[in-house]
């Protein structure tokens, strides 16, 4: 089951500085051994609420590989370049199983509420 990393990214001044560019130049090589890939990156069109900054969407083969990449010595060596120069909210979320529907999800919640 694929896992997605979502980064709500805010870069002060909206243009990466030297350290931020150094991070960007190195990060791809840290992701490749874990099967990670970029699916989307850039500005967003906000339909509701607020979303200052941009978004990065990445896919990994599994939560284990995403966690292994994030915790790897190679990635942790460059992570401070991002942390010092950007504000990031990073989350992992697993893909949905085949056949998932939101209607069935709601039915499952209703059934659970009746049992409670």
PDB file of N, CA and C in Angstrom:
ATOM      1  N   UNK A   1       0.844  -1.175   0.000  1.00  0.00           N
ATOM      2  CA  UNK A   1       0.000   0.000   0.000  1.00  0.00           C
ATOM      3  C   UNK A   1       0.894   1.243   0.000  1.00  0.00           C
ATOM      4  N   UNK A   2       0.691   2.097  -0.955  1.00  0.00           N
ATOM      5  CA  UNK A   2       1.483   3.324  -1.053  1.00  0.00           C
ATOM      6  C   UNK A   2       1.218   4.241   0.129  1.00  0.00           C
ATOM      7  N   UNK A   3       2.229   5.013   0.465  1.00  0.00           N
ATOM      8  CA  UNK A   3       2.124   6.049   1.487  1.00  0.00           C
ATOM      9  C   UNK A   3       2.538   7.362   0.848  1.00  0.00           C
ATOM     10  N   UNK A   4       1.825   8.411   1.210  1.00  0.00           N
ATOM     11  CA  UNK A   4       2.102   9.729   0.664  1.00  0.00           C
ATOM     12  C   UNK A   4       2.641  10.641   1.754  1.00  0.00           C
ATOM     13  N   UNK A   5       3.658  11.412   1.401  1.00  0.00           N
ATOM     14  CA  UNK A   5       4.179  12.452   2.276  1.00  0.00           C
ATOM     15  C   UNK A   5       3.648  13.768   1.736  1.00  0.00           C
ATOM     16  N   UNK A   6       3.037  14.533   2.612  1.00  0.00           N
ATOM     17  CA  UNK A   6       2.545  15.860   2.264  1.00  0.00           C
ATOM     18  C   UNK A   6       3.312  16.866   3.102  1.00  0.00           C
ATOM     19  N   UNK A   7       3.874  17.853   2.445  1.00  0.00           N
ATOM     20  CA  UNK A   7       4.615  18.913   3.116  1.00  0.00           C
ATOM     21  C   UNK A   7       3.924  20.238   2.804  1.00  0.00           C
ATOM     22  N   UNK A   8       3.345  20.844   3.843  1.00  0.00           N
ATOM     23  CA  UNK A   8       2.829  22.211   3.719  1.00  0.00           C
ATOM     24  C   UNK A   8       4.038  23.097   3.949  1.00  0.00           C
ATOM     25  N   UNK A   9       4.537  23.698   2.909  1.00  0.00           N
ATOM     26  CA  UNK A   9       5.837  24.373   2.907  1.00  0.00           C
ATOM     27  C   UNK A   9       5.680  25.882   2.814  1.00  0.00           C
ATOM     28  N   UNK A  10       6.371  26.571   3.708  1.00  0.00           N
ATOM     29  CA  UNK A  10       6.439  28.031   3.654  1.00  0.00           C
ATOM     30  C   UNK A  10       7.908  28.427   3.682  1.00  0.00           C
ATOM     31  N   UNK A  11       8.331  29.151   2.655  1.00  0.00           N
ATOM     32  CA  UNK A  11       9.712  29.623   2.555  1.00  0.00           C
ATOM     33  C   UNK A  11       9.698  31.132   2.772  1.00  0.00           C
ATOM     34  N   UNK A  12      10.376  31.615   3.824  1.00  0.00           N
ATOM     35  CA  UNK A  12      10.436  33.068   4.034  1.00  0.00           C
ATOM     36  C   UNK A  12      10.960  33.775   2.782  1.00  0.00           C
ATOM     37  N   UNK A  13      10.245  34.793   2.351  1.00  0.00           N
ATOM     38  CA  UNK A  13      10.618  35.517   1.140  1.00  0.00           C
ATOM     39  C   UNK A  13      10.243  34.781  -0.134  1.00  0.00           C
ATOM     40  N   UNK A  14       9.714  33.570  -0.014  1.00  0.00           N
ATOM     41  CA  UNK A  14       9.205  32.742  -1.113  1.00  0.00           C
ATOM     42  C   UNK A  14      10.268  32.261  -2.102  1.00  0.00           C
ATOM     43  N   UNK A  15      11.537  32.600  -1.866  1.00  0.00           N
ATOM     44  CA  UNK A  15      12.624  32.137  -2.731  1.00  0.00           C
ATOM     45  C   UNK A  15      13.666  31.466  -1.846  1.00  0.00           C
ATOM     46  N   UNK A  16      14.033  30.218  -2.141  1.00  0.00           N
ATOM     47  CA  UNK A  16      15.026  29.534  -1.305  1.00  0.00           C
ATOM     48  C   UNK A  16      16.351  30.285  -1.269  1.00  0.00           C
ATOM     49  N   UNK A  17      16.951  30.328  -0.078  1.00  0.00           N
ATOM     50  CA  UNK A  17      18.285  30.917   0.047  1.00  0.00           C
ATOM     51  C   UNK A  17      19.327  29.857  -0.310  1.00  0.00           C
ATOM     52  N   UNK A  18      20.603  30.166  -0.082  1.00  0.00           N
ATOM     53  CA  UNK A  18      21.680  29.243  -0.434  1.00  0.00           C
ATOM     54  C   UNK A  18      21.559  27.890   0.238  1.00  0.00           C
ATOM     55  N   UNK A  19      21.262  27.875   1.540  1.00  0.00           N
ATOM     56  CA  UNK A  19      21.115  26.595   2.248  1.00  0.00           C
ATOM     57  C   UNK A  19      19.892  25.832   1.724  1.00  0.00           C
ATOM     58  N   UNK A  20      18.803  26.555   1.462  1.00  0.00           N
ATOM     59  CA  UNK A  20      17.614  25.914   0.921  1.00  0.00           C
ATOM     60  C   UNK A  20      17.883  25.297  -0.442  1.00  0.00           C
ATOM     61  N   UNK A  21      18.638  25.989  -1.268  1.00  0.00           N
ATOM     62  CA  UNK A  21      18.994  25.439  -2.575  1.00  0.00           C
ATOM     63  C   UNK A  21      19.906  24.225  -2.429  1.00  0.00           C
ATOM     64  N   UNK A  22      20.802  24.263  -1.471  1.00  0.00           N
ATOM     65  CA  UNK A  22      21.676  23.118  -1.216  1.00  0.00           C
ATOM     66  C   UNK A  22      20.850  21.896  -0.838  1.00  0.00           C
ATOM     67  N   UNK A  23      19.830  22.097   0.004  1.00  0.00           N
ATOM     68  CA  UNK A  23      18.921  21.011   0.371  1.00  0.00           C
ATOM     69  C   UNK A  23      18.251  20.445  -0.878  1.00  0.00           C
ATOM     70  N   UNK A  24      17.695  21.322  -1.710  1.00  0.00           N
ATOM     71  CA  UNK A  24      16.996  20.878  -2.919  1.00  0.00           C
ATOM     72  C   UNK A  24      17.926  20.104  -3.850  1.00  0.00           C
ATOM     73  N   UNK A  25      19.168  20.524  -3.924  1.00  0.00           N
ATOM     74  CA  UNK A  25      20.128  19.848  -4.796  1.00  0.00           C
ATOM     75  C   UNK A  25      20.498  18.452  -4.290  1.00  0.00           C
ATOM     76  N   UNK A  26      20.341  18.204  -2.991  1.00  0.00           N
ATOM     77  CA  UNK A  26      20.753  16.936  -2.407  1.00  0.00           C
ATOM     78  C   UNK A  26      19.611  15.971  -2.094  1.00  0.00           C
ATOM     79  N   UNK A  27      18.409  16.461  -1.877  1.00  0.00           N
ATOM     80  CA  UNK A  27      17.335  15.637  -1.331  1.00  0.00           C
ATOM     81  C   UNK A  27      16.914  14.498  -2.256  1.00  0.00           C
ATOM     82  N   UNK A  28      16.913  14.733  -3.555  1.00  0.00           N
ATOM     83  CA  UNK A  28      16.455  13.700  -4.482  1.00  0.00           C
ATOM     84  C   UNK A  28      17.283  12.420  -4.364  1.00  0.00           C
ATOM     85  N   UNK A  29      18.581  12.565  -4.187  1.00  0.00           N
ATOM     86  CA  UNK A  29      19.455  11.390  -4.054  1.00  0.00           C
ATOM     87  C   UNK A  29      19.159  10.608  -2.777  1.00  0.00           C
ATOM     88  N   UNK A  30      18.629  11.270  -1.747  1.00  0.00           N
ATOM     89  CA  UNK A  30      18.308  10.554  -0.506  1.00  0.00           C
ATOM     90  C   UNK A  30      17.013   9.768  -0.637  1.00  0.00           C
ATOM     91  N   UNK A  31      16.122  10.209  -1.501  1.00  0.00           N
ATOM     92  CA  UNK A  31      14.804   9.594  -1.678  1.00  0.00           C
ATOM     93  C   UNK A  31      14.862   8.372  -2.597  1.00  0.00           C
ATOM     94  N   UNK A  32      15.675   8.440  -3.634  1.00  0.00           N
ATOM     95  CA  UNK A  32      15.710   7.396  -4.666  1.00  0.00           C
ATOM     96  C   UNK A  32      15.895   5.979  -4.113  1.00  0.00           C
ATOM     97  N   UNK A  33      16.809   5.729  -3.170  1.00  0.00           N
ATOM     98  CA  UNK A  33      16.986   4.366  -2.677  1.00  0.00           C
ATOM     99  C   UNK A  33      15.760   3.805  -1.951  1.00  0.00           C
ATOM    100  N   UNK A  34      14.835   4.660  -1.566  1.00  0.00           N
ATOM    101  CA  UNK A  34      13.634   4.238  -0.837  1.00  0.00           C
ATOM    102  C   UNK A  34      12.401   4.177  -1.743  1.00  0.00           C
ATOM    103  N   UNK A  35      12.602   4.364  -3.029  1.00  0.00           N
ATOM    104  CA  UNK A  35      11.487   4.270  -3.974  1.00  0.00           C
ATOM    105  C   UNK A  35      10.557   5.454  -3.944  1.00  0.00           C
ATOM    106  N   UNK A  36      10.993   6.566  -3.345  1.00  0.00           N
ATOM    107  CA  UNK A  36      10.146   7.749  -3.274  1.00  0.00           C
ATOM    108  C   UNK A  36      10.194   8.547  -4.558  1.00  0.00           C
ATOM    109  N   UNK A  37       9.092   9.234  -4.835  1.00  0.00           N
ATOM    110  CA  UNK A  37       9.059  10.101  -6.010  1.00  0.00           C
ATOM    111  C   UNK A  37       8.136  11.281  -5.750  1.00  0.00           C
ATOM    112  N   UNK A  38       8.430  12.376  -6.420  1.00  0.00           N
ATOM    113  CA  UNK A  38       7.613  13.576  -6.319  1.00  0.00           C
ATOM    114  C   UNK A  38       6.415  13.424  -7.240  1.00  0.00           C
ATOM    115  N   UNK A  39       5.238  13.703  -6.728  1.00  0.00           N
ATOM    116  CA  UNK A  39       4.013  13.675  -7.533  1.00  0.00           C
ATOM    117  C   UNK A  39       3.526  15.077  -7.862  1.00  0.00           C
ATOM    118  N   UNK A  40       3.732  16.019  -6.941  1.00  0.00           N
ATOM    119  CA  UNK A  40       3.293  17.401  -7.157  1.00  0.00           C
ATOM    120  C   UNK A  40       4.124  18.315  -6.274  1.00  0.00           C
ATOM    121  N   UNK A  41       4.312  19.530  -6.745  1.00  0.00           N
ATOM    122  CA  UNK A  41       5.039  20.524  -5.965  1.00  0.00           C
ATOM    123  C   UNK A  41       4.702  21.893  -6.506  1.00  0.00           C
ATOM    124  N   UNK A  42       4.381  22.826  -5.611  1.00  0.00           N
ATOM    125  CA  UNK A  42       4.154  24.190  -6.057  1.00  0.00           C
ATOM    126  C   UNK A  42       3.043  24.889  -5.316  1.00  0.00           C
ATOM    127  N   UNK A  43       2.632  26.004  -5.882  1.00  0.00           N
ATOM    128  CA  UNK A  43       1.574  26.828  -5.306  1.00  0.00           C
ATOM    129  C   UNK A  43       0.241  26.098  -5.396  1.00  0.00           C
ATOM    130  N   UNK A  44      -0.680  26.519  -4.556  1.00  0.00           N
ATOM    131  CA  UNK A  44      -2.011  25.916  -4.540  1.00  0.00           C
ATOM    132  C   UNK A  44      -3.070  26.981  -4.821  1.00  0.00           C
ATOM    133  N   UNK A  45      -4.206  26.552  -5.310  1.00  0.00           N
ATOM    134  CA  UNK A  45      -5.381  27.410  -5.413  1.00  0.00           C
ATOM    135  C   UNK A  45      -6.252  27.068  -4.209  1.00  0.00           C
ATOM    136  N   UNK A  46      -6.417  28.007  -3.309  1.00  0.00           N
ATOM    137  CA  UNK A  46      -7.172  27.778  -2.084  1.00  0.00           C
ATOM    138  C   UNK A  46      -8.658  27.939  -2.377  1.00  0.00           C
ATOM    139  N   UNK A  47      -9.425  26.890  -2.137  1.00  0.00           N
ATOM    140  CA  UNK A  47     -10.874  26.935  -2.349  1.00  0.00           C
ATOM    141  C   UNK A  47     -11.615  27.335  -1.078  1.00  0.00           C
ATOM    142  N   UNK A  48     -11.096  26.918   0.075  1.00  0.00           N
ATOM    143  CA  UNK A  48     -11.680  27.283   1.363  1.00  0.00           C
ATOM    144  C   UNK A  48     -10.543  27.416   2.365  1.00  0.00           C
ATOM    145  N   UNK A  49     -10.735  28.270   3.343  1.00  0.00           N
ATOM    146  CA  UNK A  49      -9.744  28.414   4.396  1.00  0.00           C
ATOM    147  C   UNK A  49      -8.507  29.151   3.930  1.00  0.00           C
ATOM    148  N   UNK A  50      -7.395  28.838   4.574  1.00  0.00           N
ATOM    149  CA  UNK A  50      -6.134  29.499   4.263  1.00  0.00           C
ATOM    150  C   UNK A  50      -5.044  28.454   4.093  1.00  0.00           C
ATOM    151  N   UNK A  51      -4.157  28.692   3.166  1.00  0.00           N
ATOM    152  CA  UNK A  51      -3.023  27.810   2.940  1.00  0.00           C
ATOM    153  C   UNK A  51      -1.870  28.675   2.459  1.00  0.00           C
ATOM    154  N   UNK A  52      -1.211  29.360   3.371  1.00  0.00           N
ATOM    155  CA  UNK A  52      -0.053  30.144   2.937  1.00  0.00           C
ATOM    156  C   UNK A  52       1.066  29.203   2.496  1.00  0.00           C
ATOM    157  N   UNK A  53       1.765  29.590   1.467  1.00  0.00           N
ATOM    158  CA  UNK A  53       2.889  28.787   1.013  1.00  0.00           C
ATOM    159  C   UNK A  53       2.502  27.837  -0.108  1.00  0.00           C
ATOM    160  N   UNK A  54       3.239  26.731  -0.167  1.00  0.00           N
ATOM    161  CA  UNK A  54       3.036  25.767  -1.246  1.00  0.00           C
ATOM    162  C   UNK A  54       2.914  24.364  -0.668  1.00  0.00           C
ATOM    163  N   UNK A  55       2.854  23.387  -1.551  1.00  0.00           N
ATOM    164  CA  UNK A  55       2.711  22.001  -1.117  1.00  0.00           C
ATOM    165  C   UNK A  55       3.691  21.129  -1.895  1.00  0.00           C
ATOM    166  N   UNK A  56       4.171  20.100  -1.225  1.00  0.00           N
ATOM    167  CA  UNK A  56       4.962  19.050  -1.865  1.00  0.00           C
ATOM    168  C   UNK A  56       4.232  17.744  -1.587  1.00  0.00           C
ATOM    169  N   UNK A  57       3.999  16.952  -2.634  1.00  0.00           N
ATOM    170  CA  UNK A  57       3.351  15.660  -2.497  1.00  0.00           C
ATOM    171  C   UNK A  57       4.296  14.605  -3.047  1.00  0.00           C
ATOM    172  N   UNK A  58       4.653  13.640  -2.195  1.00  0.00           N
ATOM    173  CA  UNK A  58       5.553  12.562  -2.587  1.00  0.00           C
ATOM    174  C   UNK A  58       4.887  11.219  -2.334  1.00  0.00           C
ATOM    175  N   UNK A  59       5.300  10.208  -3.080  1.00  0.00           N
ATOM    176  CA  UNK A  59       4.780   8.861  -2.894  1.00  0.00           C
ATOM    177  C   UNK A  59       5.928   7.917  -2.571  1.00  0.00           C
ATOM    178  N   UNK A  60       5.685   7.025  -1.617  1.00  0.00           N
ATOM    179  CA  UNK A  60       6.622   5.963  -1.252  1.00  0.00           C
ATOM    180  C   UNK A  60       5.895   4.634  -1.366  1.00  0.00           C
ATOM    181  N   UNK A  61       6.634   3.552  -1.583  1.00  0.00           N
ATOM    182  CA  UNK A  61       5.985   2.246  -1.701  1.00  0.00           C
ATOM    183  C   UNK A  61       5.199   1.823  -0.464  1.00  0.00           C
ATOM    184  N   UNK A  62       5.607   2.291   0.716  1.00  0.00           N
ATOM    185  CA  UNK A  62       4.930   1.907   1.958  1.00  0.00           C
ATOM    186  C   UNK A  62       5.280   2.908   3.052  1.00  0.00           C
ATOM    187  N   UNK A  63       4.555   2.809   4.163  1.00  0.00           N
ATOM    188  CA  UNK A  63       4.873   3.664   5.310  1.00  0.00           C
ATOM    189  C   UNK A  63       6.265   3.333   5.847  1.00  0.00           C
ATOM    190  N   UNK A  64       6.600   2.037   5.835  1.00  0.00           N
ATOM    191  CA  UNK A  64       7.926   1.636   6.322  1.00  0.00           C
ATOM    192  C   UNK A  64       9.043   2.278   5.508  1.00  0.00           C
ATOM    193  N   UNK A  65       8.900   2.299   4.174  1.00  0.00           N
ATOM    194  CA  UNK A  65       9.960   2.910   3.364  1.00  0.00           C
ATOM    195  C   UNK A  65       9.998   4.428   3.549  1.00  0.00           C
ATOM    196  N   UNK A  66       8.828   5.057   3.693  1.00  0.00           N
ATOM    197  CA  UNK A  66       8.797   6.510   3.931  1.00  0.00           C
ATOM    198  C   UNK A  66       9.476   6.844   5.254  1.00  0.00           C
ATOM    199  N   UNK A  67       9.171   6.075   6.286  1.00  0.00           N
ATOM    200  CA  UNK A  67       9.786   6.306   7.602  1.00  0.00           C
ATOM    201  C   UNK A  67      11.274   6.010   7.571  1.00  0.00           C
ATOM    202  N   UNK A  68      11.651   4.946   6.859  1.00  0.00           N
ATOM    203  CA  UNK A  68      13.076   4.599   6.765  1.00  0.00           C
ATOM    204  C   UNK A  68      13.854   5.711   6.070  1.00  0.00           C
ATOM    205  N   UNK A  69      13.273   6.285   5.007  1.00  0.00           N
ATOM    206  CA  UNK A  69      13.938   7.413   4.342  1.00  0.00           C
ATOM    207  C   UNK A  69      14.077   8.592   5.288  1.00  0.00           C
ATOM    208  N   UNK A  70      12.967   8.991   5.917  1.00  0.00           N
ATOM    209  CA  UNK A  70      12.996  10.170   6.783  1.00  0.00           C
ATOM    210  C   UNK A  70      14.001  10.007   7.915  1.00  0.00           C
ATOM    211  N   UNK A  71      14.086   8.819   8.479  1.00  0.00           N
ATOM    212  CA  UNK A  71      14.982   8.570   9.611  1.00  0.00           C
ATOM    213  C   UNK A  71      16.387   8.158   9.208  1.00  0.00           C
ATOM    214  N   UNK A  72      16.647   8.032   7.907  1.00  0.00           N
ATOM    215  CA  UNK A  72      17.971   7.598   7.455  1.00  0.00           C
ATOM    216  C   UNK A  72      19.033   8.642   7.799  1.00  0.00           C
ATOM    217  N   UNK A  73      20.231   8.157   8.034  1.00  0.00           N
ATOM    218  CA  UNK A  73      21.350   9.051   8.349  1.00  0.00           C
ATOM    219  C   UNK A  73      21.607  10.023   7.199  1.00  0.00           C
ATOM    220  N   UNK A  74      21.455   9.555   5.973  1.00  0.00           N
ATOM    221  CA  UNK A  74      21.713  10.403   4.807  1.00  0.00           C
ATOM    222  C   UNK A  74      20.718  11.560   4.754  1.00  0.00           C
ATOM    223  N   UNK A  75      19.428  11.277   4.983  1.00  0.00           N
ATOM    224  CA  UNK A  75      18.452  12.363   4.960  1.00  0.00           C
ATOM    225  C   UNK A  75      18.605  13.264   6.184  1.00  0.00           C
ATOM    226  N   UNK A  76      18.776  12.686   7.342  1.00  0.00           N
ATOM    227  CA  UNK A  76      18.903  13.492   8.558  1.00  0.00           C
ATOM    228  C   UNK A  76      20.118  14.413   8.508  1.00  0.00           C
ATOM    229  N   UNK A  77      21.121  14.058   7.714  1.00  0.00           N
ATOM    230  CA  UNK A  77      22.296  14.929   7.565  1.00  0.00           C
ATOM    231  C   UNK A  77      21.951  16.226   6.835  1.00  0.00           C
ATOM    232  N   UNK A  78      20.965  16.183   5.922  1.00  0.00           N
ATOM    233  CA  UNK A  78      20.607  17.412   5.192  1.00  0.00           C
ATOM    234  C   UNK A  78      19.323  18.058   5.702  1.00  0.00           C
ATOM    235  N   UNK A  79      18.543  17.361   6.509  1.00  0.00           N
ATOM    236  CA  UNK A  79      17.273  17.910   7.009  1.00  0.00           C
ATOM    237  C   UNK A  79      17.429  19.273   7.679  1.00  0.00           C
ATOM    238  N   UNK A  80      18.506  19.518   8.442  1.00  0.00           N
ATOM    239  CA  UNK A  80      18.637  20.849   9.048  1.00  0.00           C
ATOM    240  C   UNK A  80      18.666  21.991   8.038  1.00  0.00           C
ATOM    241  N   UNK A  81      19.109  21.727   6.826  1.00  0.00           N
ATOM    242  CA  UNK A  81      19.088  22.770   5.796  1.00  0.00           C
ATOM    243  C   UNK A  81      17.660  23.216   5.509  1.00  0.00           C
ATOM    244  N   UNK A  82      16.724  22.278   5.501  1.00  0.00           N
ATOM    245  CA  UNK A  82      15.306  22.605   5.300  1.00  0.00           C
ATOM    246  C   UNK A  82      14.726  23.248   6.546  1.00  0.00           C
ATOM    247  N   UNK A  83      14.987  22.639   7.690  1.00  0.00           N
ATOM    248  CA  UNK A  83      14.392  23.102   8.947  1.00  0.00           C
ATOM    249  C   UNK A  83      14.817  24.535   9.283  1.00  0.00           C
ATOM    250  N   UNK A  84      16.057  24.871   9.009  1.00  0.00           N
ATOM    251  CA  UNK A  84      16.549  26.227   9.319  1.00  0.00           C
ATOM    252  C   UNK A  84      16.024  27.289   8.359  1.00  0.00           C
ATOM    253  N   UNK A  85      15.544  26.882   7.203  1.00  0.00           N
ATOM    254  CA  UNK A  85      15.245  27.852   6.161  1.00  0.00           C
ATOM    255  C   UNK A  85      13.827  27.813   5.618  1.00  0.00           C
ATOM    256  N   UNK A  86      12.993  26.982   6.214  1.00  0.00           N
ATOM    257  CA  UNK A  86      11.602  26.888   5.772  1.00  0.00           C
ATOM    258  C   UNK A  86      10.753  26.426   6.948  1.00  0.00           C
ATOM    259  N   UNK A  87       9.482  26.657   6.834  1.00  0.00           N
ATOM    260  CA  UNK A  87       8.518  26.131   7.804  1.00  0.00           C
ATOM    261  C   UNK A  87       7.797  25.000   7.085  1.00  0.00           C
ATOM    262  N   UNK A  88       7.851  23.817   7.656  1.00  0.00           N
ATOM    263  CA  UNK A  88       7.247  22.650   7.021  1.00  0.00           C
ATOM    264  C   UNK A  88       6.361  21.914   8.001  1.00  0.00           C
ATOM    265  N   UNK A  89       5.194  21.538   7.558  1.00  0.00           N
ATOM    266  CA  UNK A  89       4.347  20.596   8.275  1.00  0.00           C
ATOM    267  C   UNK A  89       4.372  19.327   7.437  1.00  0.00           C
ATOM    268  N   UNK A  90       5.028  18.278   7.932  1.00  0.00           N
ATOM    269  CA  UNK A  90       5.154  17.024   7.195  1.00  0.00           C
ATOM    270  C   UNK A  90       4.212  15.993   7.783  1.00  0.00           C
ATOM    271  N   UNK A  91       3.452  15.331   6.919  1.00  0.00           N
ATOM    272  CA  UNK A  91       2.569  14.251   7.366  1.00  0.00           C
ATOM    273  C   UNK A  91       2.703  13.081   6.403  1.00  0.00           C
ATOM    274  N   UNK A  92       2.448  11.888   6.925  1.00  0.00           N
ATOM    275  CA  UNK A  92       2.360  10.679   6.113  1.00  0.00           C
ATOM    276  C   UNK A  92       0.924  10.181   6.162  1.00  0.00           C
ATOM    277  N   UNK A  93       0.418   9.727   5.030  1.00  0.00           N
ATOM    278  CA  UNK A  93      -0.915   9.144   4.977  1.00  0.00           C
ATOM    279  C   UNK A  93      -0.889   7.994   3.982  1.00  0.00           C
ATOM    280  N   UNK A  94      -1.514   6.890   4.364  1.00  0.00           N
ATOM    281  CA  UNK A  94      -1.553   5.714   3.504  1.00  0.00           C
ATOM    282  C   UNK A  94      -2.650   5.847   2.461  1.00  0.00           C
ATOM    283  N   UNK A  95      -2.435   5.191   1.328  1.00  0.00           N
ATOM    284  CA  UNK A  95      -3.468   5.164   0.295  1.00  0.00           C
ATOM    285  C   UNK A  95      -4.650   4.344   0.796  1.00  0.00           C
ATOM    286  N   UNK A  96      -5.758   4.507   0.150  1.00  0.00           N
ATOM    287  CA  UNK A  96      -6.977   3.793   0.532  1.00  0.00           C
ATOM    288  C   UNK A  96      -7.007   2.412  -0.121  1.00  0.00           C
ATOM    289  N   UNK A  97      -7.655   1.457   0.528  1.00  0.00           N
ATOM    290  CA  UNK A  97      -7.752   0.126  -0.078  1.00  0.00           C
ATOM    291  C   UNK A  97      -8.637   0.160  -1.321  1.00  0.00           C
ATOM    292  N   UNK A  98      -8.410  -0.800  -2.211  1.00  0.00           N
ATOM    293  CA  UNK A  98      -9.248  -0.906  -3.404  1.00  0.00           C
ATOM    294  C   UNK A  98     -10.710  -1.014  -2.992  1.00  0.00           C
ATOM    295  N   UNK A  99     -11.569  -0.344  -3.720  1.00  0.00           N
ATOM    296  CA  UNK A  99     -13.002  -0.421  -3.460  1.00  0.00           C
ATOM    297  C   UNK A  99     -13.506   0.527  -2.392  1.00  0.00           C
ATOM    298  N   UNK A 100     -12.635   1.314  -1.790  1.00  0.00           N
ATOM    299  CA  UNK A 100     -13.064   2.253  -0.746  1.00  0.00           C
ATOM    300  C   UNK A 100     -14.059   3.248  -1.327  1.00  0.00           C
ATOM    301  N   UNK A 101     -15.132   3.500  -0.563  1.00  0.00           N
ATOM    302  CA  UNK A 101     -16.043   4.590  -0.901  1.00  0.00           C
ATOM    303  C   UNK A 101     -16.321   5.380   0.372  1.00  0.00           C
ATOM    304  N   UNK A 102     -16.511   6.643   0.236  1.00  0.00           N
ATOM    305  CA  UNK A 102     -16.800   7.486   1.396  1.00  0.00           C
ATOM    306  C   UNK A 102     -18.174   7.165   1.967  1.00  0.00           C
ATOM    307  N   UNK A 103     -19.100   6.727   1.093  1.00  0.00           N
ATOM    308  CA  UNK A 103     -20.441   6.357   1.554  1.00  0.00           C
ATOM    309  C   UNK A 103     -20.365   5.151   2.491  1.00  0.00           C
ATOM    310  N   UNK A 104     -19.576   4.144   2.128  1.00  0.00           N
ATOM    311  CA  UNK A 104     -19.415   2.974   2.999  1.00  0.00           C
ATOM    312  C   UNK A 104     -18.689   3.353   4.292  1.00  0.00           C
ATOM    313  N   UNK A 105     -17.757   4.260   4.207  1.00  0.00           N
ATOM    314  CA  UNK A 105     -17.067   4.754   5.392  1.00  0.00           C
ATOM    315  C   UNK A 105     -18.077   5.372   6.367  1.00  0.00           C
ATOM    316  N   UNK A 106     -18.976   6.187   5.838  1.00  0.00           N
ATOM    317  CA  UNK A 106     -20.019   6.802   6.672  1.00  0.00           C
ATOM    318  C   UNK A 106     -20.931   5.740   7.278  1.00  0.00           C
ATOM    319  N   UNK A 107     -21.288   4.708   6.490  1.00  0.00           N
ATOM    320  CA  UNK A 107     -22.127   3.621   7.009  1.00  0.00           C
ATOM    321  C   UNK A 107     -21.429   2.897   8.157  1.00  0.00           C
ATOM    322  N   UNK A 108     -20.132   2.657   8.016  1.00  0.00           N
ATOM    323  CA  UNK A 108     -19.370   1.987   9.081  1.00  0.00           C
ATOM    324  C   UNK A 108     -19.394   2.813  10.369  1.00  0.00           C
ATOM    325  N   UNK A 109     -19.285   4.114  10.245  1.00  0.00           N
ATOM    326  CA  UNK A 109     -19.340   4.981  11.426  1.00  0.00           C
ATOM    327  C   UNK A 109     -20.730   4.925  12.064  1.00  0.00           C
ATOM    328  N   UNK A 110     -21.778   4.971  11.247  1.00  0.00           N
ATOM    329  CA  UNK A 110     -23.140   4.898  11.782  1.00  0.00           C
ATOM    330  C   UNK A 110     -23.348   3.584  12.536  1.00  0.00           C
ATOM    331  N   UNK A 111     -22.870   2.465  11.972  1.00  0.00           N
ATOM    332  CA  UNK A 111     -23.007   1.170  12.641  1.00  0.00           C
ATOM    333  C   UNK A 111     -22.271   1.170  13.977  1.00  0.00           C
ATOM    334  N   UNK A 112     -21.075   1.726  13.990  1.00  0.00           N
ATOM    335  CA  UNK A 112     -20.294   1.774  15.228  1.00  0.00           C
ATOM    336  C   UNK A 112     -20.981   2.643  16.280  1.00  0.00           C
ATOM    337  N   UNK A 113     -21.588   3.744  15.854  1.00  0.00           N
ATOM    338  CA  UNK A 113     -22.283   4.634  16.794  1.00  0.00           C
ATOM    339  C   UNK A 113     -23.505   3.939  17.396  1.00  0.00           C
ATOM    340  N   UNK A 114     -24.194   3.127  16.609  1.00  0.00           N
ATOM    341  CA  UNK A 114     -25.353   2.392  17.121  1.00  0.00           C
ATOM    342  C   UNK A 114     -24.941   1.360  18.171  1.00  0.00           C
ATOM    343  N   UNK A 115     -23.771   0.748  17.977  1.00  0.00           N
ATOM    344  CA  UNK A 115     -23.291  -0.261  18.940  1.00  0.00           C
ATOM    345  C   UNK A 115     -22.799   0.370  20.226  1.00  0.00           C
ATOM    346  N   UNK A 116     -22.406   1.614  20.179  1.00  0.00           N
ATOM    347  CA  UNK A 116     -21.816   2.278  21.359  1.00  0.00           C
ATOM    348  C   UNK A 116     -22.860   2.686  22.385  1.00  0.00           C
TER     349      UNK A 116
END
